[in-house]
Amino acid sequence: MTRYLLRRILQAVFVLWAAFTVSFVILYLLPGDAVSAKLGGGEAGLSLTPEQLAAAKAEYGLDDPLPLQYGKRLIAALQGDFGRSIATGDDATNMVVSALPPTLAVTGFALVLAILFGGGIAFAGTLTRHRWLGNLLLALPPLGISLPPFWVGLLLVQFFSFQLRLLPALGSNGFESLILPAITLAIPTGAIIGQVLAKSLRTQLAEPYAEIALAKGASRSRVHFGHLLRNAAVPTLTIAGVVAGNLIAGSVITETVFSRDGLGRVTSSAVTAQDIPVVQAVIVLAALVFVVINLLVDLVYPLLDPRIRHRETADA
């Protein structure tokens, strides 16, 4: 188990390093830079000479050779320091961390709704004895996956905010303002979870152990929850870990649609301004959330299926 855990931690560290390195290369290959856009482009009527512009770049370390910039930023990032925002001058790490709680509130609520929505459809679709009803329910996840989140968000605002006047359309005040953004994120996420879980339940339902349990008189609900769920949960957890990490990325669009404060708004502003320190801090933070969630999922695997632990031991 120790080797299993160590291997997963090393993989997580590699993912974080890769996220930092790839984001560094891509951001520095983009044409232009934030300093030139802010100062050299005449912001607030400023018109700097080439010497003044070079001095401003030197202040942010943008005049160093690229490998040296990479080394300095990597060492600083290991200490949690991504530098200062070129657009605002604030600490990039503090900007991202302070914007994280509203985003986590939406994504956490969305994940709960997604599990309830996806799991409910999967169980209802595979439990029912009416084939037409099962087919109808199991057709909902592919439909949910195909719906663009921004379009879903606009429909929800139009219906619940403007027509029924039940929920606020914009803002970040109170629990009510979380509901529509969370539903917007939960629909595609829950659809993916439901599709994978339903397929896994159907596969397990065709296994001999399930047929024997039914033949002995066990109810379909008891077979589902008492026998099938444990085995069907392994592939479902895998995809749930992936989509849960992707909720941070989805929050960029959702928070823009609903004009919410959070990581999405910070990311959108930083990308527009080519604010490299802030963008890189967001990317690494999103990668950190992703690897932590998937590391937790990897730790749950051996509890659900002891064969995984035995296989890891045999491989070692």
C-alpha atoms as a PDB file:
ATOM      1  CA  MET A   1       0.000   0.000   0.000  1.00  0.00           C
ATOM      2  CA  THR A   2       2.908   2.343   0.721  1.00  0.00           C
ATOM      3  CA  ARG A   3       4.350   1.770  -2.754  1.00  0.00           C
ATOM      4  CA  TYR A   4       0.921   2.283  -4.285  1.00  0.00           C
ATOM      5  CA  LEU A   5       0.566   5.608  -2.458  1.00  0.00           C
ATOM      6  CA  LEU A   6       4.122   6.715  -3.314  1.00  0.00           C
ATOM      7  CA  ARG A   7       3.586   5.952  -7.006  1.00  0.00           C
ATOM      8  CA  ARG A   8       0.384   8.013  -7.086  1.00  0.00           C
ATOM      9  CA  ILE A   9       2.066  10.938  -5.299  1.00  0.00           C
ATOM     10  CA  LEU A  10       4.949  10.927  -7.796  1.00  0.00           C
ATOM     11  CA  GLN A  11       2.439  10.945 -10.634  1.00  0.00           C
ATOM     12  CA  ALA A  12       0.678  13.928  -9.032  1.00  0.00           C
ATOM     13  CA  VAL A  13       3.977  15.819  -8.715  1.00  0.00           C
ATOM     14  CA  PHE A  14       4.744  15.121 -12.377  1.00  0.00           C
ATOM     15  CA  VAL A  15       1.330  16.455 -13.443  1.00  0.00           C
ATOM     16  CA  LEU A  16       1.903  19.679 -11.506  1.00  0.00           C
ATOM     17  CA  TRP A  17       5.376  20.131 -13.018  1.00  0.00           C
ATOM     18  CA  ALA A  18       3.990  19.446 -16.506  1.00  0.00           C
ATOM     19  CA  ALA A  19       1.156  21.950 -15.992  1.00  0.00           C
ATOM     20  CA  PHE A  20       3.626  24.630 -14.920  1.00  0.00           C
ATOM     21  CA  THR A  21       6.078  23.902 -17.751  1.00  0.00           C
ATOM     22  CA  VAL A  22       3.512  23.678 -20.555  1.00  0.00           C
ATOM     23  CA  SER A  23       1.730  26.825 -19.377  1.00  0.00           C
ATOM     24  CA  PHE A  24       5.072  28.679 -19.173  1.00  0.00           C
ATOM     25  CA  VAL A  25       6.034  27.717 -22.731  1.00  0.00           C
ATOM     26  CA  ILE A  26       2.626  28.496 -24.229  1.00  0.00           C
ATOM     27  CA  LEU A  27       2.241  31.827 -22.454  1.00  0.00           C
ATOM     28  CA  TYR A  28       5.697  33.012 -23.518  1.00  0.00           C
ATOM     29  CA  LEU A  29       5.152  31.917 -27.116  1.00  0.00           C
ATOM     30  CA  LEU A  30       2.109  34.163 -27.422  1.00  0.00           C
ATOM     31  CA  PRO A  31       2.709  37.335 -29.443  1.00  0.00           C
ATOM     32  CA  GLY A  32       3.186  40.452 -27.356  1.00  0.00           C
ATOM     33  CA  ASP A  33       3.357  40.660 -23.577  1.00  0.00           C
ATOM     34  CA  ALA A  34       1.435  42.243 -20.725  1.00  0.00           C
ATOM     35  CA  VAL A  35       3.980  45.006 -20.093  1.00  0.00           C
ATOM     36  CA  SER A  36       3.837  46.189 -23.716  1.00  0.00           C
ATOM     37  CA  ALA A  37       0.049  45.928 -23.742  1.00  0.00           C
ATOM     38  CA  LYS A  38      -0.260  47.910 -20.519  1.00  0.00           C
ATOM     39  CA  LEU A  39       2.408  50.576 -20.945  1.00  0.00           C
ATOM     40  CA  GLY A  40       3.643  50.539 -24.518  1.00  0.00           C
ATOM     41  CA  GLY A  41       0.136  50.648 -25.947  1.00  0.00           C
ATOM     42  CA  GLY A  42      -0.649  54.030 -24.500  1.00  0.00           C
ATOM     43  CA  GLU A  43      -2.712  53.074 -21.436  1.00  0.00           C
ATOM     44  CA  ALA A  44      -4.053  56.170 -19.684  1.00  0.00           C
ATOM     45  CA  GLY A  45      -2.380  58.300 -22.300  1.00  0.00           C
ATOM     46  CA  LEU A  46       1.079  56.954 -21.566  1.00  0.00           C
ATOM     47  CA  SER A  47       3.595  56.664 -24.365  1.00  0.00           C
ATOM     48  CA  LEU A  48       6.851  55.146 -23.170  1.00  0.00           C
ATOM     49  CA  THR A  49      10.170  55.258 -24.940  1.00  0.00           C
ATOM     50  CA  PRO A  50      11.857  51.943 -25.803  1.00  0.00           C
ATOM     51  CA  GLU A  51      14.264  52.499 -22.901  1.00  0.00           C
ATOM     52  CA  GLN A  52      11.420  53.009 -20.425  1.00  0.00           C
ATOM     53  CA  LEU A  53       9.622  49.955 -21.781  1.00  0.00           C
ATOM     54  CA  ALA A  54      12.794  47.867 -21.429  1.00  0.00           C
ATOM     55  CA  ALA A  55      13.161  49.062 -17.823  1.00  0.00           C
ATOM     56  CA  ALA A  56       9.565  48.047 -17.091  1.00  0.00           C
ATOM     57  CA  LYS A  57      10.193  44.574 -18.531  1.00  0.00           C
ATOM     58  CA  ALA A  58      13.349  44.267 -16.462  1.00  0.00           C
ATOM     59  CA  GLU A  59      11.305  45.043 -13.333  1.00  0.00           C
ATOM     60  CA  TYR A  60       9.198  41.934 -13.998  1.00  0.00           C
ATOM     61  CA  GLY A  61      12.170  39.812 -15.053  1.00  0.00           C
ATOM     62  CA  LEU A  62      10.991  39.600 -18.665  1.00  0.00           C
ATOM     63  CA  ASP A  63      14.361  40.677 -20.041  1.00  0.00           C
ATOM     64  CA  ASP A  64      16.176  37.546 -18.821  1.00  0.00           C
ATOM     65  CA  PRO A  65      16.840  34.609 -21.201  1.00  0.00           C
ATOM     66  CA  LEU A  66      13.901  32.207 -21.338  1.00  0.00           C
ATOM     67  CA  PRO A  67      15.639  29.295 -19.530  1.00  0.00           C
ATOM     68  CA  LEU A  68      16.647  31.646 -16.705  1.00  0.00           C
ATOM     69  CA  GLN A  69      13.101  32.990 -16.445  1.00  0.00           C
ATOM     70  CA  TYR A  70      11.804  29.418 -16.301  1.00  0.00           C
ATOM     71  CA  GLY A  71      14.237  28.435 -13.558  1.00  0.00           C
ATOM     72  CA  LYS A  72      13.479  31.503 -11.442  1.00  0.00           C
ATOM     73  CA  ARG A  73       9.721  31.099 -11.797  1.00  0.00           C
ATOM     74  CA  LEU A  74       9.846  27.367 -11.067  1.00  0.00           C
ATOM     75  CA  ILE A  75      11.863  27.887  -7.867  1.00  0.00           C
ATOM     76  CA  ALA A  76       9.507  30.678  -6.786  1.00  0.00           C
ATOM     77  CA  ALA A  77       6.434  28.579  -7.642  1.00  0.00           C
ATOM     78  CA  LEU A  78       7.705  25.755  -5.435  1.00  0.00           C
ATOM     79  CA  GLN A  79       7.525  28.286  -2.598  1.00  0.00           C
ATOM     80  CA  GLY A  80       4.009  29.350  -3.592  1.00  0.00           C
ATOM     81  CA  ASP A  81       5.182  32.606  -5.178  1.00  0.00           C
ATOM     82  CA  PHE A  82       4.013  33.290  -8.755  1.00  0.00           C
ATOM     83  CA  GLY A  83       5.104  36.917  -8.762  1.00  0.00           C
ATOM     84  CA  ARG A  84       3.087  40.118  -9.022  1.00  0.00           C
ATOM     85  CA  SER A  85       0.243  40.756 -11.396  1.00  0.00           C
ATOM     86  CA  ILE A  86       1.498  42.860 -14.290  1.00  0.00           C
ATOM     87  CA  ALA A  87      -1.946  44.414 -14.731  1.00  0.00           C
ATOM     88  CA  THR A  88      -2.633  45.403 -11.108  1.00  0.00           C
ATOM     89  CA  GLY A  89       0.651  44.982  -9.235  1.00  0.00           C
ATOM     90  CA  ASP A  90      -1.006  42.729  -6.621  1.00  0.00           C
ATOM     91  CA  ASP A  91       0.462  39.410  -5.522  1.00  0.00           C
ATOM     92  CA  ALA A  92      -0.713  36.821  -8.068  1.00  0.00           C
ATOM     93  CA  THR A  93      -0.997  34.008  -5.523  1.00  0.00           C
ATOM     94  CA  ASN A  94      -3.120  36.113  -3.165  1.00  0.00           C
ATOM     95  CA  MET A  95      -5.366  37.188  -6.042  1.00  0.00           C
ATOM     96  CA  VAL A  96      -6.056  33.589  -7.022  1.00  0.00           C
ATOM     97  CA  VAL A  97      -6.440  32.250  -3.474  1.00  0.00           C
ATOM     98  CA  SER A  98      -8.834  35.041  -2.476  1.00  0.00           C
ATOM     99  CA  ALA A  99     -10.961  34.336  -5.574  1.00  0.00           C
ATOM    100  CA  LEU A 100     -11.085  30.604  -4.872  1.00  0.00           C
ATOM    101  CA  PRO A 101     -13.771  30.333  -2.099  1.00  0.00           C
ATOM    102  CA  PRO A 102     -16.722  31.576  -4.247  1.00  0.00           C
ATOM    103  CA  THR A 103     -15.650  29.209  -7.035  1.00  0.00           C
ATOM    104  CA  LEU A 104     -15.303  26.253  -4.665  1.00  0.00           C
ATOM    105  CA  ALA A 105     -18.774  26.995  -3.289  1.00  0.00           C
ATOM    106  CA  VAL A 106     -20.299  26.767  -6.769  1.00  0.00           C
ATOM    107  CA  THR A 107     -18.264  23.770  -7.924  1.00  0.00           C
ATOM    108  CA  GLY A 108     -18.799  21.870  -4.650  1.00  0.00           C
ATOM    109  CA  PHE A 109     -22.563  22.397  -4.815  1.00  0.00           C
ATOM    110  CA  ALA A 110     -22.509  21.483  -8.514  1.00  0.00           C
ATOM    111  CA  LEU A 111     -20.663  18.235  -7.781  1.00  0.00           C
ATOM    112  CA  VAL A 112     -23.238  17.236  -5.162  1.00  0.00           C
ATOM    113  CA  LEU A 113     -26.074  17.967  -7.606  1.00  0.00           C
ATOM    114  CA  ALA A 114     -24.242  16.091 -10.371  1.00  0.00           C
ATOM    115  CA  ILE A 115     -23.839  12.966  -8.236  1.00  0.00           C
ATOM    116  CA  LEU A 116     -27.504  13.055  -7.196  1.00  0.00           C
ATOM    117  CA  PHE A 117     -28.663  13.729 -10.757  1.00  0.00           C
ATOM    118  CA  GLY A 118     -26.399  11.225 -12.480  1.00  0.00           C
ATOM    119  CA  GLY A 119     -26.730   8.526  -9.835  1.00  0.00           C
ATOM    120  CA  GLY A 120     -30.498   8.923  -9.654  1.00  0.00           C
ATOM    121  CA  ILE A 121     -30.936   8.551 -13.406  1.00  0.00           C
ATOM    122  CA  ALA A 122     -28.561   5.579 -13.575  1.00  0.00           C
ATOM    123  CA  PHE A 123     -30.312   3.690 -10.777  1.00  0.00           C
ATOM    124  CA  ALA A 124     -33.817   4.551 -11.934  1.00  0.00           C
ATOM    125  CA  GLY A 125     -33.014   3.604 -15.532  1.00  0.00           C
ATOM    126  CA  THR A 126     -31.503   0.235 -14.625  1.00  0.00           C
ATOM    127  CA  LEU A 127     -33.921  -0.626 -11.788  1.00  0.00           C
ATOM    128  CA  THR A 128     -37.193  -0.174 -13.659  1.00  0.00           C
ATOM    129  CA  ARG A 129     -38.828  -3.219 -15.212  1.00  0.00           C
ATOM    130  CA  HIS A 130     -40.384  -1.091 -17.960  1.00  0.00           C
ATOM    131  CA  ARG A 131     -37.963  -1.082 -20.870  1.00  0.00           C
ATOM    132  CA  TRP A 132     -39.439   2.044 -22.471  1.00  0.00           C
ATOM    133  CA  LEU A 133     -39.016   4.006 -19.229  1.00  0.00           C
ATOM    134  CA  GLY A 134     -35.466   2.734 -18.759  1.00  0.00           C
ATOM    135  CA  ASN A 135     -34.533   3.686 -22.317  1.00  0.00           C
ATOM    136  CA  LEU A 136     -36.107   7.122 -21.843  1.00  0.00           C
ATOM    137  CA  LEU A 137     -34.200   7.783 -18.622  1.00  0.00           C
ATOM    138  CA  LEU A 138     -30.911   6.517 -20.007  1.00  0.00           C
ATOM    139  CA  ALA A 139     -31.305   8.776 -23.045  1.00  0.00           C
ATOM    140  CA  LEU A 140     -31.082  11.834 -20.782  1.00  0.00           C
ATOM    141  CA  PRO A 141     -27.303  11.662 -20.036  1.00  0.00           C
ATOM    142  CA  PRO A 142     -26.229  11.901 -23.723  1.00  0.00           C
ATOM    143  CA  LEU A 143     -28.612  14.831 -24.106  1.00  0.00           C
ATOM    144  CA  GLY A 144     -27.149  16.547 -21.033  1.00  0.00           C
ATOM    145  CA  ILE A 145     -23.597  16.095 -22.310  1.00  0.00           C
ATOM    146  CA  SER A 146     -24.453  17.692 -25.659  1.00  0.00           C
ATOM    147  CA  LEU A 147     -25.926  20.899 -24.191  1.00  0.00           C
ATOM    148  CA  PRO A 148     -23.491  23.877 -24.157  1.00  0.00           C
ATOM    149  CA  PRO A 149     -23.150  25.175 -20.568  1.00  0.00           C
ATOM    150  CA  PHE A 150     -23.436  28.848 -21.538  1.00  0.00           C
ATOM    151  CA  TRP A 151     -26.697  28.105 -23.395  1.00  0.00           C
ATOM    152  CA  VAL A 152     -28.078  26.174 -20.417  1.00  0.00           C
ATOM    153  CA  GLY A 153     -27.130  29.063 -18.134  1.00  0.00           C
ATOM    154  CA  LEU A 154     -28.905  31.606 -20.321  1.00  0.00           C
ATOM    155  CA  LEU A 155     -32.047  29.427 -20.452  1.00  0.00           C
ATOM    156  CA  LEU A 156     -32.073  29.045 -16.675  1.00  0.00           C
ATOM    157  CA  VAL A 157     -31.697  32.804 -16.188  1.00  0.00           C
ATOM    158  CA  GLN A 158     -34.483  33.501 -18.684  1.00  0.00           C
ATOM    159  CA  PHE A 159     -36.905  31.051 -17.056  1.00  0.00           C
ATOM    160  CA  PHE A 160     -36.192  31.193 -13.316  1.00  0.00           C
ATOM    161  CA  SER A 161     -35.035  34.804 -13.051  1.00  0.00           C
ATOM    162  CA  PHE A 162     -36.867  36.829 -15.677  1.00  0.00           C
ATOM    163  CA  GLN A 163     -40.124  34.868 -16.059  1.00  0.00           C
ATOM    164  CA  LEU A 164     -40.723  33.222 -12.672  1.00  0.00           C
ATOM    165  CA  ARG A 165     -38.598  35.725 -10.692  1.00  0.00           C
ATOM    166  CA  LEU A 166     -37.618  33.012  -8.224  1.00  0.00           C
ATOM    167  CA  LEU A 167     -33.822  33.249  -8.280  1.00  0.00           C
ATOM    168  CA  PRO A 168     -31.318  36.068  -8.877  1.00  0.00           C
ATOM    169  CA  ALA A 169     -29.834  36.222 -12.347  1.00  0.00           C
ATOM    170  CA  LEU A 170     -26.528  37.818 -11.399  1.00  0.00           C
ATOM    171  CA  GLY A 171     -24.222  38.333  -8.451  1.00  0.00           C
ATOM    172  CA  SER A 172     -22.617  36.396  -5.617  1.00  0.00           C
ATOM    173  CA  ASN A 173     -24.860  37.244  -2.666  1.00  0.00           C
ATOM    174  CA  GLY A 174     -26.290  34.401  -0.607  1.00  0.00           C
ATOM    175  CA  PHE A 175     -27.124  30.773  -1.217  1.00  0.00           C
ATOM    176  CA  GLU A 176     -29.806  31.575  -3.780  1.00  0.00           C
ATOM    177  CA  SER A 177     -27.203  33.032  -6.125  1.00  0.00           C
ATOM    178  CA  LEU A 178     -25.409  29.641  -6.133  1.00  0.00           C
ATOM    179  CA  ILE A 179     -28.357  27.625  -7.415  1.00  0.00           C
ATOM    180  CA  LEU A 180     -28.476  28.530 -11.107  1.00  0.00           C
ATOM    181  CA  PRO A 181     -24.670  28.470 -11.672  1.00  0.00           C
ATOM    182  CA  ALA A 182     -24.443  25.134  -9.834  1.00  0.00           C
ATOM    183  CA  ILE A 183     -27.233  23.612 -11.924  1.00  0.00           C
ATOM    184  CA  THR A 184     -25.530  24.880 -15.083  1.00  0.00           C
ATOM    185  CA  LEU A 185     -22.306  23.103 -14.120  1.00  0.00           C
ATOM    186  CA  ALA A 186     -24.087  20.022 -12.740  1.00  0.00           C
ATOM    187  CA  ILE A 187     -26.048  19.090 -15.867  1.00  0.00           C
ATOM    188  CA  PRO A 188     -23.124  18.032 -18.131  1.00  0.00           C
ATOM    189  CA  THR A 189     -21.128  16.685 -15.181  1.00  0.00           C
ATOM    190  CA  GLY A 190     -24.023  14.631 -13.849  1.00  0.00           C
ATOM    191  CA  ALA A 191     -24.802  13.400 -17.349  1.00  0.00           C
ATOM    192  CA  ILE A 192     -21.291  11.962 -17.715  1.00  0.00           C
ATOM    193  CA  ILE A 193     -21.440  10.324 -14.272  1.00  0.00           C
ATOM    194  CA  GLY A 194     -24.894   8.914 -14.980  1.00  0.00           C
ATOM    195  CA  GLN A 195     -23.893   7.503 -18.350  1.00  0.00           C
ATOM    196  CA  VAL A 196     -20.833   5.700 -16.966  1.00  0.00           C
ATOM    197  CA  LEU A 197     -22.653   4.430 -13.857  1.00  0.00           C
ATOM    198  CA  ALA A 198     -25.617   3.154 -15.880  1.00  0.00           C
ATOM    199  CA  LYS A 199     -23.351   1.274 -18.274  1.00  0.00           C
ATOM    200  CA  SER A 200     -21.408  -0.228 -15.349  1.00  0.00           C
ATOM    201  CA  LEU A 201     -24.607  -1.279 -13.567  1.00  0.00           C
ATOM    202  CA  ARG A 202     -25.924  -2.948 -16.702  1.00  0.00           C
ATOM    203  CA  THR A 203     -22.636  -4.770 -17.196  1.00  0.00           C
ATOM    204  CA  GLN A 204     -22.644  -5.995 -13.590  1.00  0.00           C
ATOM    205  CA  LEU A 205     -26.315  -6.952 -13.813  1.00  0.00           C
ATOM    206  CA  ALA A 206     -25.430  -9.447 -16.558  1.00  0.00           C
ATOM    207  CA  GLU A 207     -22.755 -11.098 -14.392  1.00  0.00           C
ATOM    208  CA  PRO A 208     -23.479 -14.576 -12.925  1.00  0.00           C
ATOM    209  CA  TYR A 209     -23.349 -13.386  -9.307  1.00  0.00           C
ATOM    210  CA  ALA A 210     -26.166 -10.901  -9.965  1.00  0.00           C
ATOM    211  CA  GLU A 211     -28.288 -13.522 -11.737  1.00  0.00           C
ATOM    212  CA  ILE A 212     -27.760 -15.952  -8.835  1.00  0.00           C
ATOM    213  CA  ALA A 213     -28.778 -13.309  -6.283  1.00  0.00           C
ATOM    214  CA  LEU A 214     -31.949 -12.557  -8.256  1.00  0.00           C
ATOM    215  CA  ALA A 215     -32.683 -16.269  -8.623  1.00  0.00           C
ATOM    216  CA  LYS A 216     -32.458 -16.677  -4.841  1.00  0.00           C
ATOM    217  CA  GLY A 217     -35.250 -14.130  -4.436  1.00  0.00           C
ATOM    218  CA  ALA A 218     -33.334 -10.927  -3.738  1.00  0.00           C
ATOM    219  CA  SER A 219     -35.095  -7.799  -4.954  1.00  0.00           C
ATOM    220  CA  ARG A 220     -33.630  -5.777  -7.802  1.00  0.00           C
ATOM    221  CA  SER A 221     -33.029  -2.817  -5.491  1.00  0.00           C
ATOM    222  CA  ARG A 222     -31.172  -5.023  -2.982  1.00  0.00           C
ATOM    223  CA  VAL A 223     -29.037  -6.498  -5.772  1.00  0.00           C
ATOM    224  CA  HIS A 224     -28.269  -3.023  -7.100  1.00  0.00           C
ATOM    225  CA  PHE A 225     -27.284  -1.445  -3.802  1.00  0.00           C
ATOM    226  CA  GLY A 226     -25.930  -4.521  -2.054  1.00  0.00           C
ATOM    227  CA  HIS A 227     -24.032  -6.230  -4.863  1.00  0.00           C
ATOM    228  CA  LEU A 228     -23.689  -4.177  -8.045  1.00  0.00           C
ATOM    229  CA  LEU A 229     -22.849  -0.731  -6.677  1.00  0.00           C
ATOM    230  CA  ARG A 230     -19.495  -1.727  -5.170  1.00  0.00           C
ATOM    231  CA  ASN A 231     -18.178  -3.075  -8.476  1.00  0.00           C
ATOM    232  CA  ALA A 232     -19.831  -0.413 -10.643  1.00  0.00           C
ATOM    233  CA  ALA A 233     -18.378   2.362  -8.477  1.00  0.00           C
ATOM    234  CA  VAL A 234     -14.776   1.838  -9.637  1.00  0.00           C
ATOM    235  CA  PRO A 235     -15.157   3.116 -13.248  1.00  0.00           C
ATOM    236  CA  THR A 236     -17.658   5.710 -12.060  1.00  0.00           C
ATOM    237  CA  LEU A 237     -15.173   7.079  -9.532  1.00  0.00           C
ATOM    238  CA  THR A 238     -12.565   7.317 -12.271  1.00  0.00           C
ATOM    239  CA  ILE A 239     -14.715   9.524 -14.468  1.00  0.00           C
ATOM    240  CA  ALA A 240     -16.050  11.449 -11.446  1.00  0.00           C
ATOM    241  CA  GLY A 241     -12.491  12.395 -10.502  1.00  0.00           C
ATOM    242  CA  VAL A 242     -11.851  13.710 -14.005  1.00  0.00           C
ATOM    243  CA  VAL A 243     -15.062  15.740 -14.306  1.00  0.00           C
ATOM    244  CA  ALA A 244     -14.729  17.086 -10.758  1.00  0.00           C
ATOM    245  CA  GLY A 245     -11.340  18.514 -11.682  1.00  0.00           C
ATOM    246  CA  ASN A 246     -12.815  19.972 -14.860  1.00  0.00           C
ATOM    247  CA  LEU A 247     -15.461  21.871 -12.886  1.00  0.00           C
ATOM    248  CA  ILE A 248     -12.836  24.529 -12.115  1.00  0.00           C
ATOM    249  CA  ALA A 249     -12.345  25.074 -15.847  1.00  0.00           C
ATOM    250  CA  GLY A 250     -16.117  25.155 -16.404  1.00  0.00           C
ATOM    251  CA  SER A 251     -16.491  27.833 -13.758  1.00  0.00           C
ATOM    252  CA  VAL A 252     -14.772  30.355 -16.065  1.00  0.00           C
ATOM    253  CA  ILE A 253     -17.726  30.316 -18.462  1.00  0.00           C
ATOM    254  CA  THR A 254     -20.377  29.955 -15.767  1.00  0.00           C
ATOM    255  CA  GLU A 255     -19.119  32.820 -13.617  1.00  0.00           C
ATOM    256  CA  THR A 256     -18.939  35.018 -16.698  1.00  0.00           C
ATOM    257  CA  VAL A 257     -22.562  34.221 -17.650  1.00  0.00           C
ATOM    258  CA  PHE A 258     -23.820  34.875 -14.108  1.00  0.00           C
ATOM    259  CA  SER A 259     -21.430  37.791 -13.382  1.00  0.00           C
ATOM    260  CA  ARG A 260     -20.132  36.082 -10.252  1.00  0.00           C
ATOM    261  CA  ASP A 261     -16.969  36.899  -8.369  1.00  0.00           C
ATOM    262  CA  GLY A 262     -14.495  34.052  -8.371  1.00  0.00           C
ATOM    263  CA  LEU A 263     -11.693  32.328 -10.172  1.00  0.00           C
ATOM    264  CA  GLY A 264     -13.481  32.532 -13.506  1.00  0.00           C
ATOM    265  CA  ARG A 265     -13.587  36.306 -13.523  1.00  0.00           C
ATOM    266  CA  VAL A 266      -9.948  36.556 -12.424  1.00  0.00           C
ATOM    267  CA  THR A 267      -8.918  34.130 -15.173  1.00  0.00           C
ATOM    268  CA  SER A 268     -10.911  35.936 -17.852  1.00  0.00           C
ATOM    269  CA  SER A 269      -9.380  39.302 -16.938  1.00  0.00           C
ATOM    270  CA  ALA A 270      -5.856  37.875 -16.720  1.00  0.00           C
ATOM    271  CA  VAL A 271      -6.086  36.138 -20.110  1.00  0.00           C
ATOM    272  CA  THR A 272      -7.404  39.316 -21.743  1.00  0.00           C
ATOM    273  CA  ALA A 273      -4.511  41.331 -20.273  1.00  0.00           C
ATOM    274  CA  GLN A 274      -1.917  38.579 -20.955  1.00  0.00           C
ATOM    275  CA  ASP A 275      -1.148  38.731 -17.232  1.00  0.00           C
ATOM    276  CA  ILE A 276       1.248  35.764 -17.167  1.00  0.00           C
ATOM    277  CA  PRO A 277       1.813  35.451 -13.377  1.00  0.00           C
ATOM    278  CA  VAL A 278      -1.939  35.334 -12.659  1.00  0.00           C
ATOM    279  CA  VAL A 279      -2.746  32.982 -15.538  1.00  0.00           C
ATOM    280  CA  GLN A 280       0.023  30.612 -14.483  1.00  0.00           C
ATOM    281  CA  ALA A 281      -1.120  30.687 -10.866  1.00  0.00           C
ATOM    282  CA  VAL A 282      -4.652  29.769 -11.985  1.00  0.00           C
ATOM    283  CA  ILE A 283      -3.399  26.926 -14.181  1.00  0.00           C
ATOM    284  CA  VAL A 284      -1.220  25.423 -11.460  1.00  0.00           C
ATOM    285  CA  LEU A 285      -3.995  25.791  -8.887  1.00  0.00           C
ATOM    286  CA  ALA A 286      -6.480  24.059 -11.205  1.00  0.00           C
ATOM    287  CA  ALA A 287      -3.946  21.277 -11.772  1.00  0.00           C
ATOM    288  CA  LEU A 288      -3.436  20.992  -7.991  1.00  0.00           C
ATOM    289  CA  VAL A 289      -7.184  20.604  -7.413  1.00  0.00           C
ATOM    290  CA  PHE A 290      -7.319  18.010 -10.185  1.00  0.00           C
ATOM    291  CA  VAL A 291      -4.440  15.904  -8.845  1.00  0.00           C
ATOM    292  CA  VAL A 292      -5.679  16.070  -5.228  1.00  0.00           C
ATOM    293  CA  ILE A 293      -9.141  14.858  -6.250  1.00  0.00           C
ATOM    294  CA  ASN A 294      -7.714  12.066  -8.357  1.00  0.00           C
ATOM    295  CA  LEU A 295      -5.235  11.117  -5.632  1.00  0.00           C
ATOM    296  CA  LEU A 296      -8.154  10.730  -3.219  1.00  0.00           C
ATOM    297  CA  VAL A 297      -9.978   8.631  -5.817  1.00  0.00           C
ATOM    298  CA  ASP A 298      -6.898   6.426  -6.229  1.00  0.00           C
ATOM    299  CA  LEU A 299      -6.798   5.899  -2.463  1.00  0.00           C
ATOM    300  CA  VAL A 300     -10.446   4.803  -2.444  1.00  0.00           C
ATOM    301  CA  TYR A 301      -9.926   2.209  -5.207  1.00  0.00           C
ATOM    302  CA  PRO A 302      -8.273  -0.443  -3.001  1.00  0.00           C
ATOM    303  CA  LEU A 303     -11.085  -0.092  -0.461  1.00  0.00           C
ATOM    304  CA  LEU A 304     -13.708  -0.817  -3.108  1.00  0.00           C
ATOM    305  CA  ASP A 305     -11.769  -3.513  -4.918  1.00  0.00           C
ATOM    306  CA  PRO A 306      -9.036  -5.325  -2.913  1.00  0.00           C
ATOM    307  CA  ARG A 307      -7.795  -6.899  -6.158  1.00  0.00           C
ATOM    308  CA  ILE A 308      -6.231  -3.535  -7.040  1.00  0.00           C
ATOM    309  CA  ARG A 309      -4.105  -3.620  -3.886  1.00  0.00           C
ATOM    310  CA  HIS A 310      -3.060  -7.213  -4.555  1.00  0.00           C
ATOM    311  CA  ARG A 311      -2.207  -6.386  -8.170  1.00  0.00           C
ATOM    312  CA  GLU A 312      -0.064  -3.415  -7.101  1.00  0.00           C
ATOM    313  CA  THR A 313       1.723  -5.648  -4.602  1.00  0.00           C
ATOM    314  CA  ALA A 314       2.356  -8.299  -7.247  1.00  0.00           C
ATOM    315  CA  ASP A 315       3.669  -5.703  -9.725  1.00  0.00           C
ATOM    316  CA  ALA A 316       6.039  -4.345  -7.088  1.00  0.00           C
END
